[in-house]
Amino acid sequence: MKTKLYLIPSLLVLLTFGSLQAGNFKLDNAHTGVGFKIKHLTISNVSGSFKDFSGKFAYDEATGTLTDLDVTIKAASIHTNDEKRDGHLKGKDFFNVDDHPSLTFKAKKATVKKGGVSKIQGELTIKGVTKPVTLEVKFTGSAKDPWGNTHLGFEAETKIKRADFDIAWNKPLEKGGLLIGEEVSIRIEGEALPE
């Protein structure tokens, strides 16, 4: 089952850090979600998420430059609301968390624009396999909380083929098709904070 590496995309909030000075930022885990969606029996979607992740990056508003984006997701934190299925996903047919405990997304440098959608190209590593992935990111605004902390909102999406990352387990259906979809949709929504 392809994971929606939200983790990783969250960092994209850097999109348009409007009035902030150049500096380092981190994902606000309490207000960020990394989710994924995949077809089941060709007739519906199964959704899941990762509960344990971290991310950081550097952003320079003056130049619109995002650098050193680095997101790590703990594979064993996968959650699909079914304990038996989660156990299968953690095993060798899927993420093999004992040998590959983390998923990562890294982007060395990108130019982000204010407003609209920006594309950030980076490298996604799952189960020891690294592939280029492009994230479509949209900045949704910034606001200060009652304690004076500025939060940056963002949305990030991408799609990957799980077989590209050596996650090819499946079962054929009697009337054609496969038990699990080949493509995984990933969506990350949340906030980032200055470090």
Foldseek 3Di string as FASTA:
>chain_A
DDWQALQQCVQVLLQAPDPDAWAKKKFPLVFKWKKKWWDFPNPDIFMKTFNDKIWMWIAHNVQQKIAWTKIKTFLLRIDRPDVVVSVVCCPPLHQVCVVPGIKMWTAGMDGHHAADWDKTWTWIATSRAIDIWIKIKGWDDWDADPVGWIKTWMKIKGKDFRVSRVNDDWDADPVGDIRIGRMMIIMMTGIMTGD
